[in-house]
Amino acid sequence: MPRDKRYLLGDRLMTKALDLQDLLITASLTKRGDEKTKLLATASLELDKLRFLLRLTADSQILDYKGWQYCSLQITEIGKMLGGWLKNNVN
């Protein structure tokens, strides 16, 4: 990332990723129920925000294609796991 963009979008991406991690850890330590479902739904929203920020870095060519592709694959995998976890918790 270019230095001038690193502090704006880079910091924002890192903050969102850490917020998502905190939510997932909290959800994993919470017993099944409404509170866990709310935590997982909030984590899903944070993941969507993270996707948007990542797309913004790619569209503005702050992140090169290879970096964007790697991050996108990781976020997609997290989304699949989170969706399965949420679906399992609801049932």
C-alpha atoms as a PDB file:
ATOM      1  CA  MET A   1       0.000   0.000   0.000  1.00  0.00           C
ATOM      2  CA  PRO A   2       1.242   3.488  -0.726  1.00  0.00           C
ATOM      3  CA  ARG A   3       2.322   5.297   2.396  1.00  0.00           C
ATOM      4  CA  ASP A   4      -0.280   8.084   2.260  1.00  0.00           C
ATOM      5  CA  LYS A   5      -3.152   5.576   1.897  1.00  0.00           C
ATOM      6  CA  ARG A   6      -1.734   3.065   4.359  1.00  0.00           C
ATOM      7  CA  TYR A   7      -2.744   5.079   7.372  1.00  0.00           C
ATOM      8  CA  LEU A   8      -6.273   5.758   6.229  1.00  0.00           C
ATOM      9  CA  LEU A   9      -7.514   2.574   4.566  1.00  0.00           C
ATOM     10  CA  GLY A  10      -4.838   0.297   5.990  1.00  0.00           C
ATOM     11  CA  ASP A  11      -5.677   1.305   9.540  1.00  0.00           C
ATOM     12  CA  ARG A  12      -9.375   1.006   8.820  1.00  0.00           C
ATOM     13  CA  LEU A  13      -8.942  -2.487   7.348  1.00  0.00           C
ATOM     14  CA  MET A  14      -6.851  -3.613  10.310  1.00  0.00           C
ATOM     15  CA  THR A  15      -9.345  -2.208  12.805  1.00  0.00           C
ATOM     16  CA  LYS A  16     -12.269  -3.951  11.068  1.00  0.00           C
ATOM     17  CA  ALA A  17     -10.355  -7.232  10.914  1.00  0.00           C
ATOM     18  CA  LEU A  18      -9.518  -7.052  14.621  1.00  0.00           C
ATOM     19  CA  ASP A  19     -13.115  -6.109  15.502  1.00  0.00           C
ATOM     20  CA  LEU A  20     -14.302  -9.122  13.521  1.00  0.00           C
ATOM     21  CA  GLN A  21     -11.811 -11.358  15.319  1.00  0.00           C
ATOM     22  CA  ASP A  22     -13.010 -10.069  18.704  1.00  0.00           C
ATOM     23  CA  LEU A  23     -16.626 -10.784  17.783  1.00  0.00           C
ATOM     24  CA  LEU A  24     -15.801 -14.302  16.610  1.00  0.00           C
ATOM     25  CA  ILE A  25     -13.837 -15.080  19.777  1.00  0.00           C
ATOM     26  CA  THR A  26     -16.670 -13.749  21.938  1.00  0.00           C
ATOM     27  CA  ALA A  27     -19.207 -15.774  19.957  1.00  0.00           C
ATOM     28  CA  SER A  28     -17.129 -18.931  20.305  1.00  0.00           C
ATOM     29  CA  LEU A  29     -17.109 -18.522  24.085  1.00  0.00           C
ATOM     30  CA  THR A  30     -20.844 -17.772  24.295  1.00  0.00           C
ATOM     31  CA  LYS A  31     -23.383 -20.521  24.789  1.00  0.00           C
ATOM     32  CA  ARG A  32     -25.890 -21.225  22.031  1.00  0.00           C
ATOM     33  CA  GLY A  33     -28.844 -18.861  22.083  1.00  0.00           C
ATOM     34  CA  ASP A  34     -30.050 -15.398  21.164  1.00  0.00           C
ATOM     35  CA  GLU A  35     -26.900 -13.639  22.363  1.00  0.00           C
ATOM     36  CA  LYS A  36     -24.668 -15.871  20.249  1.00  0.00           C
ATOM     37  CA  THR A  37     -26.937 -15.378  17.226  1.00  0.00           C
ATOM     38  CA  LYS A  38     -26.701 -11.589  17.674  1.00  0.00           C
ATOM     39  CA  LEU A  39     -22.906 -11.779  17.936  1.00  0.00           C
ATOM     40  CA  LEU A  40     -22.685 -13.885  14.783  1.00  0.00           C
ATOM     41  CA  ALA A  41     -25.042 -11.542  12.904  1.00  0.00           C
ATOM     42  CA  THR A  42     -22.902  -8.579  13.977  1.00  0.00           C
ATOM     43  CA  ALA A  43     -19.789 -10.455  12.860  1.00  0.00           C
ATOM     44  CA  SER A  44     -21.423 -11.055   9.486  1.00  0.00           C
ATOM     45  CA  LEU A  45     -22.116  -7.333   9.148  1.00  0.00           C
ATOM     46  CA  GLU A  46     -18.504  -6.515  10.075  1.00  0.00           C
ATOM     47  CA  LEU A  47     -17.299  -9.008   7.478  1.00  0.00           C
ATOM     48  CA  ASP A  48     -19.414  -7.255   4.831  1.00  0.00           C
ATOM     49  CA  LYS A  49     -17.868  -3.933   5.848  1.00  0.00           C
ATOM     50  CA  LEU A  50     -14.424  -5.486   5.603  1.00  0.00           C
ATOM     51  CA  ARG A  51     -15.270  -6.785   2.108  1.00  0.00           C
ATOM     52  CA  PHE A  52     -16.361  -3.315   1.071  1.00  0.00           C
ATOM     53  CA  LEU A  53     -13.151  -1.710   2.335  1.00  0.00           C
ATOM     54  CA  LEU A  54     -11.085  -4.338   0.572  1.00  0.00           C
ATOM     55  CA  ARG A  55     -12.983  -3.726  -2.673  1.00  0.00           C
ATOM     56  CA  LEU A  56     -12.375  -0.003  -2.238  1.00  0.00           C
ATOM     57  CA  THR A  57      -8.625  -0.574  -1.973  1.00  0.00           C
ATOM     58  CA  ALA A  58      -8.704  -2.687  -5.129  1.00  0.00           C
ATOM     59  CA  ASP A  59     -10.869  -0.252  -7.092  1.00  0.00           C
ATOM     60  CA  SER A  60      -8.626   2.653  -6.213  1.00  0.00           C
ATOM     61  CA  GLN A  61      -5.575   0.526  -7.038  1.00  0.00           C
ATOM     62  CA  ILE A  62      -4.104   0.925  -3.569  1.00  0.00           C
ATOM     63  CA  LEU A  63      -3.740  -2.835  -3.277  1.00  0.00           C
ATOM     64  CA  ASP A  64      -2.333  -4.811  -6.180  1.00  0.00           C
ATOM     65  CA  TYR A  65      -4.345  -7.591  -7.803  1.00  0.00           C
ATOM     66  CA  LYS A  66      -2.370 -10.414  -6.206  1.00  0.00           C
ATOM     67  CA  GLY A  67      -2.830  -8.979  -2.717  1.00  0.00           C
ATOM     68  CA  TRP A  68      -6.498  -8.307  -3.323  1.00  0.00           C
ATOM     69  CA  GLN A  69      -7.029 -11.825  -4.656  1.00  0.00           C
ATOM     70  CA  TYR A  70      -5.386 -13.405  -1.607  1.00  0.00           C
ATOM     71  CA  CYS A  71      -7.403 -11.279   0.828  1.00  0.00           C
ATOM     72  CA  SER A  72     -10.638 -11.914  -1.068  1.00  0.00           C
ATOM     73  CA  LEU A  73     -10.155 -15.667  -0.933  1.00  0.00           C
ATOM     74  CA  GLN A  74      -9.532 -15.513   2.809  1.00  0.00           C
ATOM     75  CA  ILE A  75     -12.592 -13.325   3.416  1.00  0.00           C
ATOM     76  CA  THR A  76     -14.738 -15.623   1.281  1.00  0.00           C
ATOM     77  CA  GLU A  77     -13.611 -18.619   3.325  1.00  0.00           C
ATOM     78  CA  ILE A  78     -14.344 -16.778   6.581  1.00  0.00           C
ATOM     79  CA  GLY A  79     -17.784 -15.893   5.210  1.00  0.00           C
ATOM     80  CA  LYS A  80     -18.540 -19.524   4.407  1.00  0.00           C
ATOM     81  CA  MET A  81     -17.517 -20.648   7.889  1.00  0.00           C
ATOM     82  CA  LEU A  82     -19.425 -17.822   9.540  1.00  0.00           C
ATOM     83  CA  GLY A  83     -22.546 -18.577   7.485  1.00  0.00           C
ATOM     84  CA  GLY A  84     -22.404 -22.239   8.457  1.00  0.00           C
ATOM     85  CA  TRP A  85     -21.857 -21.350  12.096  1.00  0.00           C
ATOM     86  CA  LEU A  86     -24.797 -18.937  12.056  1.00  0.00           C
ATOM     87  CA  LYS A  87     -27.038 -21.465  10.285  1.00  0.00           C
ATOM     88  CA  ASN A  88     -26.073 -24.161  12.791  1.00  0.00           C
ATOM     89  CA  ASN A  89     -26.719 -21.873  15.753  1.00  0.00           C
ATOM     90  CA  VAL A  90     -30.209 -20.923  14.533  1.00  0.00           C
ATOM     91  CA  ASN A  91     -31.338 -24.549  14.122  1.00  0.00           C
END
